[in-house]
Amino acid sequence: LAVGSYWIIGLASSYILAFVFGLGAVGL
């Protein structure tokens, strides 16, 4: 559950929000 939550949901969301949507540090 931790691996799925932290890495699949958490890190993927951080990358998409920070770099794909251009929100930078806040998106991360």
PDB file of all heavy atoms in Angstrom:
ATOM      1  N   LEU A   1       0.832  -1.200   0.000  1.00  0.00           N
ATOM      2  CA  LEU A   1       0.000   0.000   0.000  1.00  0.00           C
ATOM      3  C   LEU A   1       0.870   1.253   0.000  1.00  0.00           C
ATOM      4  O   LEU A   1       0.558   2.248  -0.674  1.00  0.00           O
ATOM      5  CB  LEU A   1      -0.926   0.005   1.227  1.00  0.00           C
ATOM      6  CG  LEU A   1      -1.993  -1.094   1.285  1.00  0.00           C
ATOM      7  CD1 LEU A   1      -2.751  -1.028   2.612  1.00  0.00           C
ATOM      8  CD2 LEU A   1      -2.956  -0.974   0.108  1.00  0.00           C
ATOM      9  N   ALA A   2       1.969   1.204   0.755  1.00  0.00           N
ATOM     10  CA  ALA A   2       2.876   2.347   0.819  1.00  0.00           C
ATOM     11  C   ALA A   2       3.554   2.595  -0.522  1.00  0.00           C
ATOM     12  O   ALA A   2       3.640   3.742  -0.987  1.00  0.00           O
ATOM     13  CB  ALA A   2       3.928   2.121   1.908  1.00  0.00           C
ATOM     14  N   VAL A   3       4.043   1.547  -1.127  1.00  0.00           N
ATOM     15  CA  VAL A   3       4.716   1.700  -2.424  1.00  0.00           C
ATOM     16  C   VAL A   3       3.765   2.301  -3.455  1.00  0.00           C
ATOM     17  O   VAL A   3       4.121   3.232  -4.196  1.00  0.00           O
ATOM     18  CB  VAL A   3       5.251   0.335  -2.916  1.00  0.00           C
ATOM     19  CG1 VAL A   3       5.746   0.437  -4.353  1.00  0.00           C
ATOM     20  CG2 VAL A   3       6.384  -0.147  -2.001  1.00  0.00           C
ATOM     21  N   GLY A   4       2.549   1.785  -3.511  1.00  0.00           N
ATOM     22  CA  GLY A   4       1.586   2.312  -4.467  1.00  0.00           C
ATOM     23  C   GLY A   4       1.215   3.755  -4.187  1.00  0.00           C
ATOM     24  O   GLY A   4       1.102   4.577  -5.113  1.00  0.00           O
ATOM     25  N   SER A   5       1.041   4.104  -2.910  1.00  0.00           N
ATOM     26  CA  SER A   5       0.632   5.457  -2.541  1.00  0.00           C
ATOM     27  C   SER A   5       1.748   6.467  -2.758  1.00  0.00           C
ATOM     28  O   SER A   5       1.541   7.523  -3.381  1.00  0.00           O
ATOM     29  CB  SER A   5       0.190   5.488  -1.075  1.00  0.00           C
ATOM     30  OG  SER A   5      -0.912   4.646  -0.856  1.00  0.00           O
ATOM     31  N   TYR A   6       2.931   6.152  -2.245  1.00  0.00           N
ATOM     32  CA  TYR A   6       4.023   7.129  -2.275  1.00  0.00           C
ATOM     33  C   TYR A   6       4.631   7.277  -3.660  1.00  0.00           C
ATOM     34  O   TYR A   6       4.897   8.396  -4.112  1.00  0.00           O
ATOM     35  CB  TYR A   6       5.113   6.736  -1.272  1.00  0.00           C
ATOM     36  CG  TYR A   6       4.641   6.646   0.156  1.00  0.00           C
ATOM     37  CD1 TYR A   6       5.103   5.632   0.991  1.00  0.00           C
ATOM     38  CD2 TYR A   6       3.729   7.556   0.682  1.00  0.00           C
ATOM     39  CE1 TYR A   6       4.683   5.532   2.307  1.00  0.00           C
ATOM     40  CE2 TYR A   6       3.304   7.460   2.002  1.00  0.00           C
ATOM     41  CZ  TYR A   6       3.792   6.447   2.805  1.00  0.00           C
ATOM     42  OH  TYR A   6       3.369   6.346   4.100  1.00  0.00           O
ATOM     43  N   TRP A   7       4.861   6.155  -4.323  1.00  0.00           N
ATOM     44  CA  TRP A   7       5.598   6.219  -5.582  1.00  0.00           C
ATOM     45  C   TRP A   7       4.692   6.342  -6.802  1.00  0.00           C
ATOM     46  O   TRP A   7       4.940   7.180  -7.665  1.00  0.00           O
ATOM     47  CB  TRP A   7       6.495   4.984  -5.706  1.00  0.00           C
ATOM     48  CG  TRP A   7       7.700   5.116  -4.834  1.00  0.00           C
ATOM     49  CD1 TRP A   7       7.787   4.848  -3.507  1.00  0.00           C
ATOM     50  CD2 TRP A   7       8.986   5.613  -5.216  1.00  0.00           C
ATOM     51  NE1 TRP A   7       9.046   5.138  -3.030  1.00  0.00           N
ATOM     52  CE2 TRP A   7       9.809   5.606  -4.068  1.00  0.00           C
ATOM     53  CE3 TRP A   7       9.526   6.050  -6.419  1.00  0.00           C
ATOM     54  CZ2 TRP A   7      11.126   6.026  -4.081  1.00  0.00           C
ATOM     55  CZ3 TRP A   7      10.854   6.460  -6.440  1.00  0.00           C
ATOM     56  CH2 TRP A   7      11.634   6.442  -5.287  1.00  0.00           C
ATOM     57  N   ILE A   8       3.659   5.530  -6.883  1.00  0.00           N
ATOM     58  CA  ILE A   8       2.794   5.585  -8.070  1.00  0.00           C
ATOM     59  C   ILE A   8       1.930   6.835  -8.057  1.00  0.00           C
ATOM     60  O   ILE A   8       1.818   7.553  -9.057  1.00  0.00           O
ATOM     61  CB  ILE A   8       1.927   4.318  -8.169  1.00  0.00           C
ATOM     62  CG1 ILE A   8       2.825   3.084  -8.342  1.00  0.00           C
ATOM     63  CG2 ILE A   8       0.944   4.433  -9.325  1.00  0.00           C
ATOM     64  CD1 ILE A   8       2.074   1.770  -8.360  1.00  0.00           C
ATOM     65  N   ILE A   9       1.322   7.139  -6.893  1.00  0.00           N
ATOM     66  CA  ILE A   9       0.450   8.308  -6.805  1.00  0.00           C
ATOM     67  C   ILE A   9       1.239   9.563  -6.463  1.00  0.00           C
ATOM     68  O   ILE A   9       1.151  10.587  -7.147  1.00  0.00           O
ATOM     69  CB  ILE A   9      -0.666   8.067  -5.773  1.00  0.00           C
ATOM     70  CG1 ILE A   9      -1.559   6.909  -6.224  1.00  0.00           C
ATOM     71  CG2 ILE A   9      -1.505   9.341  -5.570  1.00  0.00           C
ATOM     72  CD1 ILE A   9      -2.634   6.530  -5.227  1.00  0.00           C
ATOM     73  N   GLY A  10       2.041   9.505  -5.392  1.00  0.00           N
ATOM     74  CA  GLY A  10       2.747  10.690  -4.911  1.00  0.00           C
ATOM     75  C   GLY A  10       3.761  11.253  -5.880  1.00  0.00           C
ATOM     76  O   GLY A  10       3.680  12.421  -6.286  1.00  0.00           O
ATOM     77  N   LEU A  11       4.737  10.435  -6.270  1.00  0.00           N
ATOM     78  CA  LEU A  11       5.801  10.942  -7.144  1.00  0.00           C
ATOM     79  C   LEU A  11       5.301  11.254  -8.542  1.00  0.00           C
ATOM     80  O   LEU A  11       5.714  12.242  -9.152  1.00  0.00           O
ATOM     81  CB  LEU A  11       6.948   9.930  -7.211  1.00  0.00           C
ATOM     82  CG  LEU A  11       7.957   9.983  -6.068  1.00  0.00           C
ATOM     83  CD1 LEU A  11       9.076   8.993  -6.307  1.00  0.00           C
ATOM     84  CD2 LEU A  11       8.518  11.383  -5.897  1.00  0.00           C
ATOM     85  N   ALA A  12       4.417  10.416  -9.053  1.00  0.00           N
ATOM     86  CA  ALA A  12       3.866  10.686 -10.382  1.00  0.00           C
ATOM     87  C   ALA A  12       3.109  12.009 -10.387  1.00  0.00           C
ATOM     88  O   ALA A  12       3.257  12.825 -11.311  1.00  0.00           O
ATOM     89  CB  ALA A  12       2.946   9.547 -10.815  1.00  0.00           C
ATOM     90  N   SER A  13       2.313  12.241  -9.357  1.00  0.00           N
ATOM     91  CA  SER A  13       1.574  13.505  -9.260  1.00  0.00           C
ATOM     92  C   SER A  13       2.537  14.687  -9.138  1.00  0.00           C
ATOM     93  O   SER A  13       2.315  15.741  -9.751  1.00  0.00           O
ATOM     94  CB  SER A  13       0.632  13.475  -8.052  1.00  0.00           C
ATOM     95  OG  SER A  13      -0.320  12.450  -8.180  1.00  0.00           O
ATOM     96  N   SER A  14       3.588  14.516  -8.349  1.00  0.00           N
ATOM     97  CA  SER A  14       4.572  15.590  -8.180  1.00  0.00           C
ATOM     98  C   SER A  14       5.213  15.965  -9.511  1.00  0.00           C
ATOM     99  O   SER A  14       5.335  17.154  -9.851  1.00  0.00           O
ATOM    100  CB  SER A  14       5.656  15.169  -7.179  1.00  0.00           C
ATOM    101  OG  SER A  14       5.119  15.041  -5.889  1.00  0.00           O
ATOM    102  N   TYR A  15       5.623  14.961 -10.262  1.00  0.00           N
ATOM    103  CA  TYR A  15       6.282  15.230 -11.545  1.00  0.00           C
ATOM    104  C   TYR A  15       5.326  15.902 -12.518  1.00  0.00           C
ATOM    105  O   TYR A  15       5.674  16.896 -13.179  1.00  0.00           O
ATOM    106  CB  TYR A  15       6.813  13.929 -12.148  1.00  0.00           C
ATOM    107  CG  TYR A  15       7.545  14.143 -13.456  1.00  0.00           C
ATOM    108  CD1 TYR A  15       8.895  14.485 -13.471  1.00  0.00           C
ATOM    109  CD2 TYR A  15       6.876  14.026 -14.675  1.00  0.00           C
ATOM    110  CE1 TYR A  15       9.567  14.707 -14.666  1.00  0.00           C
ATOM    111  CE2 TYR A  15       7.537  14.241 -15.865  1.00  0.00           C
ATOM    112  CZ  TYR A  15       8.881  14.577 -15.857  1.00  0.00           C
ATOM    113  OH  TYR A  15       9.528  14.810 -17.039  1.00  0.00           O
ATOM    114  N   ILE A  16       4.113  15.368 -12.606  1.00  0.00           N
ATOM    115  CA  ILE A  16       3.142  15.920 -13.566  1.00  0.00           C
ATOM    116  C   ILE A  16       2.785  17.364 -13.222  1.00  0.00           C
ATOM    117  O   ILE A  16       2.779  18.244 -14.090  1.00  0.00           O
ATOM    118  CB  ILE A  16       1.879  15.034 -13.605  1.00  0.00           C
ATOM    119  CG1 ILE A  16       2.211  13.672 -14.224  1.00  0.00           C
ATOM    120  CG2 ILE A  16       0.768  15.715 -14.404  1.00  0.00           C
ATOM    121  CD1 ILE A  16       1.101  12.649 -14.092  1.00  0.00           C
ATOM    122  N   LEU A  17       2.514  17.625 -11.955  1.00  0.00           N
ATOM    123  CA  LEU A  17       2.119  18.966 -11.553  1.00  0.00           C
ATOM    124  C   LEU A  17       3.273  19.959 -11.663  1.00  0.00           C
ATOM    125  O   LEU A  17       3.089  21.113 -12.064  1.00  0.00           O
ATOM    126  CB  LEU A  17       1.579  18.951 -10.116  1.00  0.00           C
ATOM    127  CG  LEU A  17       0.243  18.224  -9.912  1.00  0.00           C
ATOM    128  CD1 LEU A  17      -0.085  18.104  -8.430  1.00  0.00           C
ATOM    129  CD2 LEU A  17      -0.873  18.961 -10.639  1.00  0.00           C
ATOM    130  N   ALA A  18       4.485  19.505 -11.309  1.00  0.00           N
ATOM    131  CA  ALA A  18       5.633  20.418 -11.307  1.00  0.00           C
ATOM    132  C   ALA A  18       6.143  20.718 -12.710  1.00  0.00           C
ATOM    133  O   ALA A  18       6.445  21.881 -13.030  1.00  0.00           O
ATOM    134  CB  ALA A  18       6.761  19.836 -10.460  1.00  0.00           C
ATOM    135  N   PHE A  19       6.221  19.692 -13.576  1.00  0.00           N
ATOM    136  CA  PHE A  19       6.896  19.864 -14.858  1.00  0.00           C
ATOM    137  C   PHE A  19       5.942  19.852 -16.061  1.00  0.00           C
ATOM    138  O   PHE A  19       6.153  20.600 -17.007  1.00  0.00           O
ATOM    139  CB  PHE A  19       7.964  18.781 -15.017  1.00  0.00           C
ATOM    140  CG  PHE A  19       9.019  18.829 -13.947  1.00  0.00           C
ATOM    141  CD1 PHE A  19       9.014  17.931 -12.893  1.00  0.00           C
ATOM    142  CD2 PHE A  19      10.014  19.801 -13.980  1.00  0.00           C
ATOM    143  CE1 PHE A  19       9.977  17.980 -11.901  1.00  0.00           C
ATOM    144  CE2 PHE A  19      10.982  19.862 -12.986  1.00  0.00           C
ATOM    145  CZ  PHE A  19      10.959  18.957 -11.938  1.00  0.00           C
ATOM    146  N   VAL A  20       4.925  19.013 -16.027  1.00  0.00           N
ATOM    147  CA  VAL A  20       3.987  18.969 -17.153  1.00  0.00           C
ATOM    148  C   VAL A  20       3.048  20.172 -17.121  1.00  0.00           C
ATOM    149  O   VAL A  20       2.851  20.858 -18.123  1.00  0.00           O
ATOM    150  CB  VAL A  20       3.191  17.649 -17.156  1.00  0.00           C
ATOM    151  CG1 VAL A  20       2.170  17.645 -18.298  1.00  0.00           C
ATOM    152  CG2 VAL A  20       4.132  16.450 -17.276  1.00  0.00           C
ATOM    153  N   PHE A  21       2.483  20.441 -15.922  1.00  0.00           N
ATOM    154  CA  PHE A  21       1.580  21.577 -15.797  1.00  0.00           C
ATOM    155  C   PHE A  21       2.301  22.873 -15.423  1.00  0.00           C
ATOM    156  O   PHE A  21       1.676  23.924 -15.315  1.00  0.00           O
ATOM    157  CB  PHE A  21       0.490  21.276 -14.762  1.00  0.00           C
ATOM    158  CG  PHE A  21      -0.537  20.298 -15.239  1.00  0.00           C
ATOM    159  CD1 PHE A  21      -0.413  18.951 -14.944  1.00  0.00           C
ATOM    160  CD2 PHE A  21      -1.619  20.702 -16.007  1.00  0.00           C
ATOM    161  CE1 PHE A  21      -1.346  18.021 -15.380  1.00  0.00           C
ATOM    162  CE2 PHE A  21      -2.568  19.790 -16.447  1.00  0.00           C
ATOM    163  CZ  PHE A  21      -2.426  18.446 -16.154  1.00  0.00           C
ATOM    164  N   GLY A  22       3.608  22.791 -15.207  1.00  0.00           N
ATOM    165  CA  GLY A  22       4.409  23.982 -14.980  1.00  0.00           C
ATOM    166  C   GLY A  22       4.186  24.681 -13.654  1.00  0.00           C
ATOM    167  O   GLY A  22       4.442  25.887 -13.535  1.00  0.00           O
ATOM    168  N   LEU A  23       3.743  23.950 -12.613  1.00  0.00           N
ATOM    169  CA  LEU A  23       3.509  24.575 -11.314  1.00  0.00           C
ATOM    170  C   LEU A  23       4.765  24.654 -10.461  1.00  0.00           C
ATOM    171  O   LEU A  23       4.746  25.216  -9.365  1.00  0.00           O
ATOM    172  CB  LEU A  23       2.418  23.805 -10.555  1.00  0.00           C
ATOM    173  CG  LEU A  23       1.030  23.798 -11.207  1.00  0.00           C
ATOM    174  CD1 LEU A  23       0.054  22.992 -10.370  1.00  0.00           C
ATOM    175  CD2 LEU A  23       0.523  25.221 -11.399  1.00  0.00           C
ATOM    176  N   GLY A  24       5.859  24.065 -10.926  1.00  0.00           N
ATOM    177  CA  GLY A  24       7.140  24.181 -10.239  1.00  0.00           C
ATOM    178  C   GLY A  24       7.128  23.600  -8.843  1.00  0.00           C
ATOM    179  O   GLY A  24       6.548  22.535  -8.582  1.00  0.00           O
ATOM    180  N   ALA A  25       7.762  24.331  -7.919  1.00  0.00           N
ATOM    181  CA  ALA A  25       7.936  23.845  -6.554  1.00  0.00           C
ATOM    182  C   ALA A  25       6.601  23.593  -5.865  1.00  0.00           C
ATOM    183  O   ALA A  25       6.430  22.594  -5.152  1.00  0.00           O
ATOM    184  CB  ALA A  25       8.764  24.841  -5.749  1.00  0.00           C
ATOM    185  N   VAL A  26       5.644  24.465  -6.073  1.00  0.00           N
ATOM    186  CA  VAL A  26       4.333  24.307  -5.435  1.00  0.00           C
ATOM    187  C   VAL A  26       3.631  23.044  -5.942  1.00  0.00           C
ATOM    188  O   VAL A  26       3.059  22.269  -5.158  1.00  0.00           O
ATOM    189  CB  VAL A  26       3.459  25.553  -5.685  1.00  0.00           C
ATOM    190  CG1 VAL A  26       2.033  25.313  -5.191  1.00  0.00           C
ATOM    191  CG2 VAL A  26       4.054  26.766  -4.999  1.00  0.00           C
ATOM    192  N   GLY A  27       3.676  22.802  -7.241  1.00  0.00           N
ATOM    193  CA  GLY A  27       3.063  21.607  -7.802  1.00  0.00           C
ATOM    194  C   GLY A  27       3.692  20.339  -7.265  1.00  0.00           C
ATOM    195  O   GLY A  27       3.001  19.338  -7.027  1.00  0.00           O
ATOM    196  N   LEU A  28       5.007  20.387  -7.045  1.00  0.00           N
ATOM    197  CA  LEU A  28       5.698  19.228  -6.513  1.00  0.00           C
ATOM    198  C   LEU A  28       5.155  18.876  -5.123  1.00  0.00           C
ATOM    199  O   LEU A  28       4.928  17.709  -4.796  1.00  0.00           O
ATOM    200  CB  LEU A  28       7.201  19.503  -6.461  1.00  0.00           C
ATOM    201  CG  LEU A  28       8.130  18.304  -6.313  1.00  0.00           C
ATOM    202  CD1 LEU A  28       9.455  18.581  -7.014  1.00  0.00           C
ATOM    203  CD2 LEU A  28       8.384  18.008  -4.843  1.00  0.00           C
TER     204      LEU A  28
END
